[in-house]
Amino acid sequence: MTAGLIGDAASRPARIHAALATLVPETIELIDESHKHIGHAGARDGRGHFALKIVSSAFRGASAIARHRLIYVALGDLMQTDIHALSIVALVPEDAR
């Protein structure tokens, strides 16, 4: 494991879910796609590749860029210690139906 990583790769999704709880999501779908990036230069540091679909009223009135920023703020240090790449779909409840 790379120095500086918190915990192990198996507990990453739980830490990500816990961090995103600050956005009071209705749903979170988090897929670990790290296995698709084995050998990729960005995967050598031990951080993961994830696809995220999150539905939250916290995104209401926010642009796509603002929604992503809210997610990055919620994830905080996880973006430096656990996540190498994050694909994001951030929706308000009415757009998720």
PDB file of N, CA and C in Angstrom:
ATOM      1  N   MET A   1       0.849  -1.187   0.000  1.00  0.00           N
ATOM      2  CA  MET A   1       0.000   0.000   0.000  1.00  0.00           C
ATOM      3  C   MET A   1       0.887   1.241   0.000  1.00  0.00           C
ATOM      4  N   THR A   2       0.461   2.258  -0.676  1.00  0.00           N
ATOM      5  CA  THR A   2       1.209   3.497  -0.767  1.00  0.00           C
ATOM      6  C   THR A   2       1.124   4.255   0.544  1.00  0.00           C
ATOM      7  N   ALA A   3       2.227   4.814   0.972  1.00  0.00           N
ATOM      8  CA  ALA A   3       2.239   5.607   2.203  1.00  0.00           C
ATOM      9  C   ALA A   3       1.275   6.757   2.067  1.00  0.00           C
ATOM     10  N   GLY A   4       0.578   7.060   3.128  1.00  0.00           N
ATOM     11  CA  GLY A   4      -0.358   8.168   3.129  1.00  0.00           C
ATOM     12  C   GLY A   4      -1.795   7.748   2.916  1.00  0.00           C
ATOM     13  N   LEU A   5      -1.996   6.523   2.410  1.00  0.00           N
ATOM     14  CA  LEU A   5      -3.368   6.066   2.221  1.00  0.00           C
ATOM     15  C   LEU A   5      -3.957   5.710   3.572  1.00  0.00           C
ATOM     16  N   ILE A   6      -5.215   6.008   3.727  1.00  0.00           N
ATOM     17  CA  ILE A   6      -5.904   5.741   4.985  1.00  0.00           C
ATOM     18  C   ILE A   6      -6.638   4.426   4.848  1.00  0.00           C
ATOM     19  N   GLY A   7      -6.323   3.451   5.686  1.00  0.00           N
ATOM     20  CA  GLY A   7      -7.033   2.184   5.653  1.00  0.00           C
ATOM     21  C   GLY A   7      -6.691   1.394   4.407  1.00  0.00           C
ATOM     22  N   ASP A   8      -7.556   0.453   4.060  1.00  0.00           N
ATOM     23  CA  ASP A   8      -7.297  -0.372   2.889  1.00  0.00           C
ATOM     24  C   ASP A   8      -8.342  -0.097   1.806  1.00  0.00           C
ATOM     25  N   ALA A   9      -8.070  -0.664   0.628  1.00  0.00           N
ATOM     26  CA  ALA A   9      -8.947  -0.426  -0.517  1.00  0.00           C
ATOM     27  C   ALA A   9     -10.361  -0.932  -0.270  1.00  0.00           C
ATOM     28  N   ALA A  10     -10.514  -1.997   0.516  1.00  0.00           N
ATOM     29  CA  ALA A  10     -11.839  -2.558   0.776  1.00  0.00           C
ATOM     30  C   ALA A  10     -12.722  -1.607   1.564  1.00  0.00           C
ATOM     31  N   SER A  11     -12.121  -0.748   2.372  1.00  0.00           N
ATOM     32  CA  SER A  11     -12.924   0.172   3.181  1.00  0.00           C
ATOM     33  C   SER A  11     -13.146   1.528   2.502  1.00  0.00           C
ATOM     34  N   ARG A  12     -12.558   1.730   1.336  1.00  0.00           N
ATOM     35  CA  ARG A  12     -12.736   3.000   0.619  1.00  0.00           C
ATOM     36  C   ARG A  12     -14.195   3.333   0.353  1.00  0.00           C
ATOM     37  N   PRO A  13     -14.979   2.420  -0.202  1.00  0.00           N
ATOM     38  CA  PRO A  13     -16.380   2.776  -0.467  1.00  0.00           C
ATOM     39  C   PRO A  13     -17.120   3.228   0.794  1.00  0.00           C
ATOM     40  N   ALA A  14     -16.860   2.606   1.913  1.00  0.00           N
ATOM     41  CA  ALA A  14     -17.522   3.012   3.159  1.00  0.00           C
ATOM     42  C   ALA A  14     -17.108   4.428   3.557  1.00  0.00           C
ATOM     43  N   ARG A  15     -15.818   4.740   3.391  1.00  0.00           N
ATOM     44  CA  ARG A  15     -15.359   6.101   3.724  1.00  0.00           C
ATOM     45  C   ARG A  15     -15.949   7.127   2.761  1.00  0.00           C
ATOM     46  N   ILE A  16     -16.070   6.760   1.492  1.00  0.00           N
ATOM     47  CA  ILE A  16     -16.656   7.665   0.500  1.00  0.00           C
ATOM     48  C   ILE A  16     -18.132   7.905   0.817  1.00  0.00           C
ATOM     49  N   HIS A  17     -18.866   6.843   1.105  1.00  0.00           N
ATOM     50  CA  HIS A  17     -20.283   6.979   1.472  1.00  0.00           C
ATOM     51  C   HIS A  17     -20.437   7.869   2.703  1.00  0.00           C
ATOM     52  N   ALA A  18     -19.599   7.659   3.705  1.00  0.00           N
ATOM     53  CA  ALA A  18     -19.683   8.453   4.935  1.00  0.00           C
ATOM     54  C   ALA A  18     -19.418   9.928   4.653  1.00  0.00           C
ATOM     55  N   ALA A  19     -18.432  10.216   3.806  1.00  0.00           N
ATOM     56  CA  ALA A  19     -18.117  11.609   3.484  1.00  0.00           C
ATOM     57  C   ALA A  19     -19.256  12.272   2.717  1.00  0.00           C
ATOM     58  N   LEU A  20     -19.871  11.534   1.810  1.00  0.00           N
ATOM     59  CA  LEU A  20     -20.956  12.089   1.002  1.00  0.00           C
ATOM     60  C   LEU A  20     -22.251  12.258   1.788  1.00  0.00           C
ATOM     61  N   ALA A  21     -22.336  11.663   2.965  1.00  0.00           N
ATOM     62  CA  ALA A  21     -23.535  11.794   3.809  1.00  0.00           C
ATOM     63  C   ALA A  21     -23.804  13.248   4.171  1.00  0.00           C
ATOM     64  N   THR A  22     -22.788  14.095   4.144  1.00  0.00           N
ATOM     65  CA  THR A  22     -22.984  15.511   4.455  1.00  0.00           C
ATOM     66  C   THR A  22     -23.890  16.194   3.434  1.00  0.00           C
ATOM     67  N   LEU A  23     -24.038  15.583   2.250  1.00  0.00           N
ATOM     68  CA  LEU A  23     -24.915  16.135   1.211  1.00  0.00           C
ATOM     69  C   LEU A  23     -26.345  15.614   1.338  1.00  0.00           C
ATOM     70  N   VAL A  24     -26.607  14.815   2.347  1.00  0.00           N
ATOM     71  CA  VAL A  24     -27.917  14.219   2.621  1.00  0.00           C
ATOM     72  C   VAL A  24     -28.511  13.628   1.337  1.00  0.00           C
ATOM     73  N   PRO A  25     -27.813  12.675   0.748  1.00  0.00           N
ATOM     74  CA  PRO A  25     -28.280  12.105  -0.513  1.00  0.00           C
ATOM     75  C   PRO A  25     -29.493  11.207  -0.342  1.00  0.00           C
ATOM     76  N   GLU A  26     -30.360  11.215  -1.356  1.00  0.00           N
ATOM     77  CA  GLU A  26     -31.461  10.252  -1.406  1.00  0.00           C
ATOM     78  C   GLU A  26     -30.919   8.902  -1.839  1.00  0.00           C
ATOM     79  N   THR A  27     -30.001   8.923  -2.797  1.00  0.00           N
ATOM     80  CA  THR A  27     -29.356   7.692  -3.238  1.00  0.00           C
ATOM     81  C   THR A  27     -27.906   7.965  -3.599  1.00  0.00           C
ATOM     82  N   ILE A  28     -27.095   6.944  -3.414  1.00  0.00           N
ATOM     83  CA  ILE A  28     -25.701   6.948  -3.855  1.00  0.00           C
ATOM     84  C   ILE A  28     -25.455   5.611  -4.528  1.00  0.00           C
ATOM     85  N   GLU A  29     -24.968   5.662  -5.750  1.00  0.00           N
ATOM     86  CA  GLU A  29     -24.496   4.461  -6.441  1.00  0.00           C
ATOM     87  C   GLU A  29     -23.013   4.677  -6.689  1.00  0.00           C
ATOM     88  N   LEU A  30     -22.192   3.871  -6.055  1.00  0.00           N
ATOM     89  CA  LEU A  30     -20.747   4.005  -6.165  1.00  0.00           C
ATOM     90  C   LEU A  30     -20.185   2.698  -6.710  1.00  0.00           C
ATOM     91  N   ILE A  31     -19.498   2.790  -7.832  1.00  0.00           N
ATOM     92  CA  ILE A  31     -18.919   1.606  -8.453  1.00  0.00           C
ATOM     93  C   ILE A  31     -17.400   1.763  -8.468  1.00  0.00           C
ATOM     94  N   ASP A  32     -16.727   0.783  -7.893  1.00  0.00           N
ATOM     95  CA  ASP A  32     -15.269   0.766  -7.908  1.00  0.00           C
ATOM     96  C   ASP A  32     -14.826   0.193  -9.246  1.00  0.00           C
ATOM     97  N   GLU A  33     -14.218   1.026 -10.063  1.00  0.00           N
ATOM     98  CA  GLU A  33     -13.762   0.618 -11.390  1.00  0.00           C
ATOM     99  C   GLU A  33     -12.243   0.474 -11.443  1.00  0.00           C
ATOM    100  N   SER A  34     -11.625   0.364 -10.279  1.00  0.00           N
ATOM    101  CA  SER A  34     -10.163   0.311 -10.207  1.00  0.00           C
ATOM    102  C   SER A  34      -9.600  -0.851 -11.007  1.00  0.00           C
ATOM    103  N   HIS A  35     -10.298  -1.977 -11.023  1.00  0.00           N
ATOM    104  CA  HIS A  35      -9.812  -3.149 -11.748  1.00  0.00           C
ATOM    105  C   HIS A  35      -9.636  -2.884 -13.244  1.00  0.00           C
ATOM    106  N   LYS A  36     -10.339  -1.901 -13.766  1.00  0.00           N
ATOM    107  CA  LYS A  36     -10.228  -1.565 -15.187  1.00  0.00           C
ATOM    108  C   LYS A  36      -8.954  -0.779 -15.493  1.00  0.00           C
ATOM    109  N   HIS A  37      -8.265  -0.328 -14.448  1.00  0.00           N
ATOM    110  CA  HIS A  37      -7.137   0.573 -14.627  1.00  0.00           C
ATOM    111  C   HIS A  37      -5.817  -0.020 -14.143  1.00  0.00           C
ATOM    112  N   ILE A  38      -5.783  -1.334 -13.940  1.00  0.00           N
ATOM    113  CA  ILE A  38      -4.546  -1.980 -13.524  1.00  0.00           C
ATOM    114  C   ILE A  38      -3.488  -1.733 -14.591  1.00  0.00           C
ATOM    115  N   GLY A  39      -2.337  -1.281 -14.153  1.00  0.00           N
ATOM    116  CA  GLY A  39      -1.254  -0.978 -15.088  1.00  0.00           C
ATOM    117  C   GLY A  39      -1.268   0.447 -15.602  1.00  0.00           C
ATOM    118  N   HIS A  40      -2.381   1.145 -15.410  1.00  0.00           N
ATOM    119  CA  HIS A  40      -2.508   2.549 -15.813  1.00  0.00           C
ATOM    120  C   HIS A  40      -1.584   3.384 -14.928  1.00  0.00           C
ATOM    121  N   ALA A  41      -0.907   4.345 -15.514  1.00  0.00           N
ATOM    122  CA  ALA A  41       0.051   5.162 -14.757  1.00  0.00           C
ATOM    123  C   ALA A  41      -0.582   5.792 -13.529  1.00  0.00           C
ATOM    124  N   GLY A  42      -1.829   6.242 -13.636  1.00  0.00           N
ATOM    125  CA  GLY A  42      -2.494   6.893 -12.514  1.00  0.00           C
ATOM    126  C   GLY A  42      -2.903   5.941 -11.414  1.00  0.00           C
ATOM    127  N   ALA A  43      -2.891   4.648 -11.693  1.00  0.00           N
ATOM    128  CA  ALA A  43      -3.291   3.660 -10.687  1.00  0.00           C
ATOM    129  C   ALA A  43      -2.106   3.197  -9.847  1.00  0.00           C
ATOM    130  N   ARG A  44      -0.916   3.562 -10.207  1.00  0.00           N
ATOM    131  CA  ARG A  44       0.276   3.089  -9.502  1.00  0.00           C
ATOM    132  C   ARG A  44       0.399   3.637  -8.090  1.00  0.00           C
ATOM    133  N   ASP A  45      -0.267   4.739  -7.808  1.00  0.00           N
ATOM    134  CA  ASP A  45      -0.153   5.322  -6.468  1.00  0.00           C
ATOM    135  C   ASP A  45      -1.079   4.630  -5.468  1.00  0.00           C
ATOM    136  N   GLY A  46      -1.864   3.650  -5.918  1.00  0.00           N
ATOM    137  CA  GLY A  46      -2.717   2.879  -5.020  1.00  0.00           C
ATOM    138  C   GLY A  46      -4.100   3.451  -4.796  1.00  0.00           C
ATOM    139  N   ARG A  47      -4.366   4.647  -5.339  1.00  0.00           N
ATOM    140  CA  ARG A  47      -5.704   5.227  -5.176  1.00  0.00           C
ATOM    141  C   ARG A  47      -6.653   4.607  -6.189  1.00  0.00           C
ATOM    142  N   GLY A  48      -7.964   4.690  -5.922  1.00  0.00           N
ATOM    143  CA  GLY A  48      -8.963   4.024  -6.743  1.00  0.00           C
ATOM    144  C   GLY A  48      -9.606   4.891  -7.800  1.00  0.00           C
ATOM    145  N   HIS A  49     -10.261   4.201  -8.731  1.00  0.00           N
ATOM    146  CA  HIS A  49     -11.054   4.814  -9.793  1.00  0.00           C
ATOM    147  C   HIS A  49     -12.512   4.459  -9.520  1.00  0.00           C
ATOM    148  N   PHE A  50     -13.379   5.471  -9.455  1.00  0.00           N
ATOM    149  CA  PHE A  50     -14.768   5.243  -9.090  1.00  0.00           C
ATOM    150  C   PHE A  50     -15.719   5.955 -10.041  1.00  0.00           C
ATOM    151  N   ALA A  51     -16.912   5.384 -10.181  1.00  0.00           N
ATOM    152  CA  ALA A  51     -18.026   6.026 -10.877  1.00  0.00           C
ATOM    153  C   ALA A  51     -19.089   6.286  -9.811  1.00  0.00           C
ATOM    154  N   LEU A  52     -19.569   7.511  -9.744  1.00  0.00           N
ATOM    155  CA  LEU A  52     -20.528   7.919  -8.724  1.00  0.00           C
ATOM    156  C   LEU A  52     -21.780   8.486  -9.368  1.00  0.00           C
ATOM    157  N   LYS A  53     -22.930   7.998  -8.926  1.00  0.00           N
ATOM    158  CA  LYS A  53     -24.213   8.626  -9.248  1.00  0.00           C
ATOM    159  C   LYS A  53     -24.835   8.957  -7.904  1.00  0.00           C
ATOM    160  N   ILE A  54     -25.117  10.238  -7.699  1.00  0.00           N
ATOM    161  CA  ILE A  54     -25.643  10.705  -6.425  1.00  0.00           C
ATOM    162  C   ILE A  54     -26.844  11.606  -6.673  1.00  0.00           C
ATOM    163  N   VAL A  55     -27.881  11.411  -5.883  1.00  0.00           N
ATOM    164  CA  VAL A  55     -29.104  12.208  -5.979  1.00  0.00           C
ATOM    165  C   VAL A  55     -29.285  12.923  -4.641  1.00  0.00           C
ATOM    166  N   SER A  56     -29.353  14.257  -4.707  1.00  0.00           N
ATOM    167  CA  SER A  56     -29.485  15.039  -3.486  1.00  0.00           C
ATOM    168  C   SER A  56     -30.167  16.378  -3.750  1.00  0.00           C
ATOM    169  N   SER A  57     -30.996  16.788  -2.823  1.00  0.00           N
ATOM    170  CA  SER A  57     -31.612  18.117  -2.899  1.00  0.00           C
ATOM    171  C   SER A  57     -30.575  19.220  -2.727  1.00  0.00           C
ATOM    172  N   ALA A  58     -29.414  18.877  -2.189  1.00  0.00           N
ATOM    173  CA  ALA A  58     -28.341  19.864  -2.006  1.00  0.00           C
ATOM    174  C   ALA A  58     -27.866  20.436  -3.336  1.00  0.00           C
ATOM    175  N   PHE A  59     -28.153  19.748  -4.440  1.00  0.00           N
ATOM    176  CA  PHE A  59     -27.731  20.206  -5.759  1.00  0.00           C
ATOM    177  C   PHE A  59     -28.738  21.142  -6.417  1.00  0.00           C
ATOM    178  N   ARG A  60     -29.890  21.329  -5.803  1.00  0.00           N
ATOM    179  CA  ARG A  60     -30.939  22.147  -6.403  1.00  0.00           C
ATOM    180  C   ARG A  60     -30.423  23.563  -6.678  1.00  0.00           C
ATOM    181  N   GLY A  61     -30.594  24.007  -7.911  1.00  0.00           N
ATOM    182  CA  GLY A  61     -30.181  25.345  -8.309  1.00  0.00           C
ATOM    183  C   GLY A  61     -28.706  25.472  -8.639  1.00  0.00           C
ATOM    184  N   ALA A  62     -27.933  24.396  -8.483  1.00  0.00           N
ATOM    185  CA  ALA A  62     -26.495  24.446  -8.735  1.00  0.00           C
ATOM    186  C   ALA A  62     -26.192  23.926 -10.147  1.00  0.00           C
ATOM    187  N   SER A  63     -25.233  24.561 -10.786  1.00  0.00           N
ATOM    188  CA  SER A  63     -24.774  24.097 -12.097  1.00  0.00           C
ATOM    189  C   SER A  63     -24.044  22.766 -11.928  1.00  0.00           C
ATOM    190  N   ALA A  64     -23.755  22.113 -13.036  1.00  0.00           N
ATOM    191  CA  ALA A  64     -23.016  20.844 -12.980  1.00  0.00           C
ATOM    192  C   ALA A  64     -21.657  21.044 -12.311  1.00  0.00           C
ATOM    193  N   ILE A  65     -20.979  22.114 -12.641  1.00  0.00           N
ATOM    194  CA  ILE A  65     -19.673  22.381 -12.035  1.00  0.00           C
ATOM    195  C   ILE A  65     -19.817  22.619 -10.536  1.00  0.00           C
ATOM    196  N   ALA A  66     -20.819  23.355 -10.128  1.00  0.00           N
ATOM    197  CA  ALA A  66     -21.042  23.611  -8.704  1.00  0.00           C
ATOM    198  C   ALA A  66     -21.381  22.322  -7.961  1.00  0.00           C
ATOM    199  N   ARG A  67     -22.130  21.434  -8.601  1.00  0.00           N
ATOM    200  CA  ARG A  67     -22.464  20.143  -7.987  1.00  0.00           C
ATOM    201  C   ARG A  67     -21.199  19.329  -7.761  1.00  0.00           C
ATOM    202  N   HIS A  68     -20.312  19.305  -8.760  1.00  0.00           N
ATOM    203  CA  HIS A  68     -19.055  18.584  -8.629  1.00  0.00           C
ATOM    204  C   HIS A  68     -18.215  19.174  -7.502  1.00  0.00           C
ATOM    205  N   ARG A  69     -18.189  20.483  -7.424  1.00  0.00           N
ATOM    206  CA  ARG A  69     -17.425  21.132  -6.338  1.00  0.00           C
ATOM    207  C   ARG A  69     -17.966  20.741  -4.971  1.00  0.00           C
ATOM    208  N   LEU A  70     -19.284  20.682  -4.834  1.00  0.00           N
ATOM    209  CA  LEU A  70     -19.879  20.249  -3.561  1.00  0.00           C
ATOM    210  C   LEU A  70     -19.428  18.842  -3.205  1.00  0.00           C
ATOM    211  N   ILE A  71     -19.369  17.992  -4.201  1.00  0.00           N
ATOM    212  CA  ILE A  71     -18.924  16.611  -3.972  1.00  0.00           C
ATOM    213  C   ILE A  71     -17.454  16.591  -3.564  1.00  0.00           C
ATOM    214  N   TYR A  72     -16.611  17.338  -4.264  1.00  0.00           N
ATOM    215  CA  TYR A  72     -15.189  17.374  -3.929  1.00  0.00           C
ATOM    216  C   TYR A  72     -14.965  17.927  -2.520  1.00  0.00           C
ATOM    217  N   VAL A  73     -15.725  18.930  -2.138  1.00  0.00           N
ATOM    218  CA  VAL A  73     -15.610  19.468  -0.779  1.00  0.00           C
ATOM    219  C   VAL A  73     -16.020  18.408   0.240  1.00  0.00           C
ATOM    220  N   ALA A  74     -17.115  17.702  -0.033  1.00  0.00           N
ATOM    221  CA  ALA A  74     -17.574  16.656   0.884  1.00  0.00           C
ATOM    222  C   ALA A  74     -16.534  15.549   1.011  1.00  0.00           C
ATOM    223  N   LEU A  75     -15.889  15.188  -0.083  1.00  0.00           N
ATOM    224  CA  LEU A  75     -14.898  14.122  -0.052  1.00  0.00           C
ATOM    225  C   LEU A  75     -13.591  14.562   0.598  1.00  0.00           C
ATOM    226  N   GLY A  76     -13.316  15.845   0.545  1.00  0.00           N
ATOM    227  CA  GLY A  76     -12.133  16.391   1.222  1.00  0.00           C
ATOM    228  C   GLY A  76     -10.851  15.651   0.892  1.00  0.00           C
ATOM    229  N   ASP A  77     -10.144  15.225   1.927  1.00  0.00           N
ATOM    230  CA  ASP A  77      -8.844  14.582   1.769  1.00  0.00           C
ATOM    231  C   ASP A  77      -8.900  13.250   1.033  1.00  0.00           C
ATOM    232  N   LEU A  78     -10.077  12.632   0.950  1.00  0.00           N
ATOM    233  CA  LEU A  78     -10.174  11.360   0.225  1.00  0.00           C
ATOM    234  C   LEU A  78      -9.746  11.516  -1.231  1.00  0.00           C
ATOM    235  N   MET A  79      -9.910  12.720  -1.779  1.00  0.00           N
ATOM    236  CA  MET A  79      -9.485  12.964  -3.158  1.00  0.00           C
ATOM    237  C   MET A  79      -7.959  12.903  -3.268  1.00  0.00           C
ATOM    238  N   GLN A  80      -7.257  13.105  -2.175  1.00  0.00           N
ATOM    239  CA  GLN A  80      -5.800  13.060  -2.183  1.00  0.00           C
ATOM    240  C   GLN A  80      -5.253  11.713  -1.715  1.00  0.00           C
ATOM    241  N   THR A  81      -6.018  11.006  -0.885  1.00  0.00           N
ATOM    242  CA  THR A  81      -5.513   9.790  -0.273  1.00  0.00           C
ATOM    243  C   THR A  81      -6.086   8.506  -0.852  1.00  0.00           C
ATOM    244  N   ASP A  82      -7.310   8.528  -1.357  1.00  0.00           N
ATOM    245  CA  ASP A  82      -7.995   7.303  -1.749  1.00  0.00           C
ATOM    246  C   ASP A  82      -8.528   7.293  -3.174  1.00  0.00           C
ATOM    247  N   ILE A  83      -8.804   8.449  -3.743  1.00  0.00           N
ATOM    248  CA  ILE A  83      -9.457   8.518  -5.053  1.00  0.00           C
ATOM    249  C   ILE A  83      -8.509   9.136  -6.074  1.00  0.00           C
ATOM    250  N   HIS A  84      -8.239   8.382  -7.133  1.00  0.00           N
ATOM    251  CA  HIS A  84      -7.434   8.921  -8.228  1.00  0.00           C
ATOM    252  C   HIS A  84      -8.329   9.537  -9.301  1.00  0.00           C
ATOM    253  N   ALA A  85      -9.435   8.844  -9.604  1.00  0.00           N
ATOM    254  CA  ALA A  85     -10.346   9.311 -10.637  1.00  0.00           C
ATOM    255  C   ALA A  85     -11.785   9.093 -10.186  1.00  0.00           C
ATOM    256  N   LEU A  86     -12.633  10.068 -10.492  1.00  0.00           N
ATOM    257  CA  LEU A  86     -14.030  10.001 -10.077  1.00  0.00           C
ATOM    258  C   LEU A  86     -14.916  10.512 -11.212  1.00  0.00           C
ATOM    259  N   SER A  87     -15.723   9.617 -11.755  1.00  0.00           N
ATOM    260  CA  SER A  87     -16.719   9.986 -12.748  1.00  0.00           C
ATOM    261  C   SER A  87     -17.997  10.304 -11.976  1.00  0.00           C
ATOM    262  N   ILE A  88     -18.605  11.464 -12.252  1.00  0.00           N
ATOM    263  CA  ILE A  88     -19.729  11.928 -11.435  1.00  0.00           C
ATOM    264  C   ILE A  88     -20.976  12.186 -12.271  1.00  0.00           C
ATOM    265  N   VAL A  89     -22.103  11.673 -11.774  1.00  0.00           N
ATOM    266  CA  VAL A  89     -23.436  12.072 -12.223  1.00  0.00           C
ATOM    267  C   VAL A  89     -24.133  12.552 -10.962  1.00  0.00           C
ATOM    268  N   ALA A  90     -24.427  13.846 -10.896  1.00  0.00           N
ATOM    269  CA  ALA A  90     -25.032  14.450  -9.709  1.00  0.00           C
ATOM    270  C   ALA A  90     -26.388  15.035 -10.093  1.00  0.00           C
ATOM    271  N   LEU A  91     -27.444  14.496  -9.508  1.00  0.00           N
ATOM    272  CA  LEU A  91     -28.802  14.877  -9.873  1.00  0.00           C
ATOM    273  C   LEU A  91     -29.598  15.375  -8.678  1.00  0.00           C
ATOM    274  N   VAL A  92     -30.584  16.214  -8.963  1.00  0.00           N
ATOM    275  CA  VAL A  92     -31.586  16.552  -7.961  1.00  0.00           C
ATOM    276  C   VAL A  92     -32.674  15.492  -8.054  1.00  0.00           C
ATOM    277  N   PRO A  93     -33.460  15.282  -6.988  1.00  0.00           N
ATOM    278  CA  PRO A  93     -34.446  14.203  -6.985  1.00  0.00           C
ATOM    279  C   PRO A  93     -35.384  14.200  -8.186  1.00  0.00           C
ATOM    280  N   GLU A  94     -35.866  15.359  -8.603  1.00  0.00           N
ATOM    281  CA  GLU A  94     -36.828  15.383  -9.709  1.00  0.00           C
ATOM    282  C   GLU A  94     -36.208  14.965 -11.038  1.00  0.00           C
ATOM    283  N   ASP A  95     -34.892  15.105 -11.181  1.00  0.00           N
ATOM    284  CA  ASP A  95     -34.233  14.674 -12.408  1.00  0.00           C
ATOM    285  C   ASP A  95     -33.890  13.181 -12.392  1.00  0.00           C
ATOM    286  N   ALA A  96     -33.967  12.573 -11.237  1.00  0.00           N
ATOM    287  CA  ALA A  96     -33.609  11.150 -11.103  1.00  0.00           C
ATOM    288  C   ALA A  96     -34.789  10.226 -11.346  1.00  0.00           C
ATOM    289  N   ARG A  97     -35.973  10.790 -11.445  1.00  0.00           N
ATOM    290  CA  ARG A  97     -37.164   9.968 -11.598  1.00  0.00           C
ATOM    291  C   ARG A  97     -37.418   9.625 -13.034  1.00  0.00           C
TER     292      ARG A  97
END
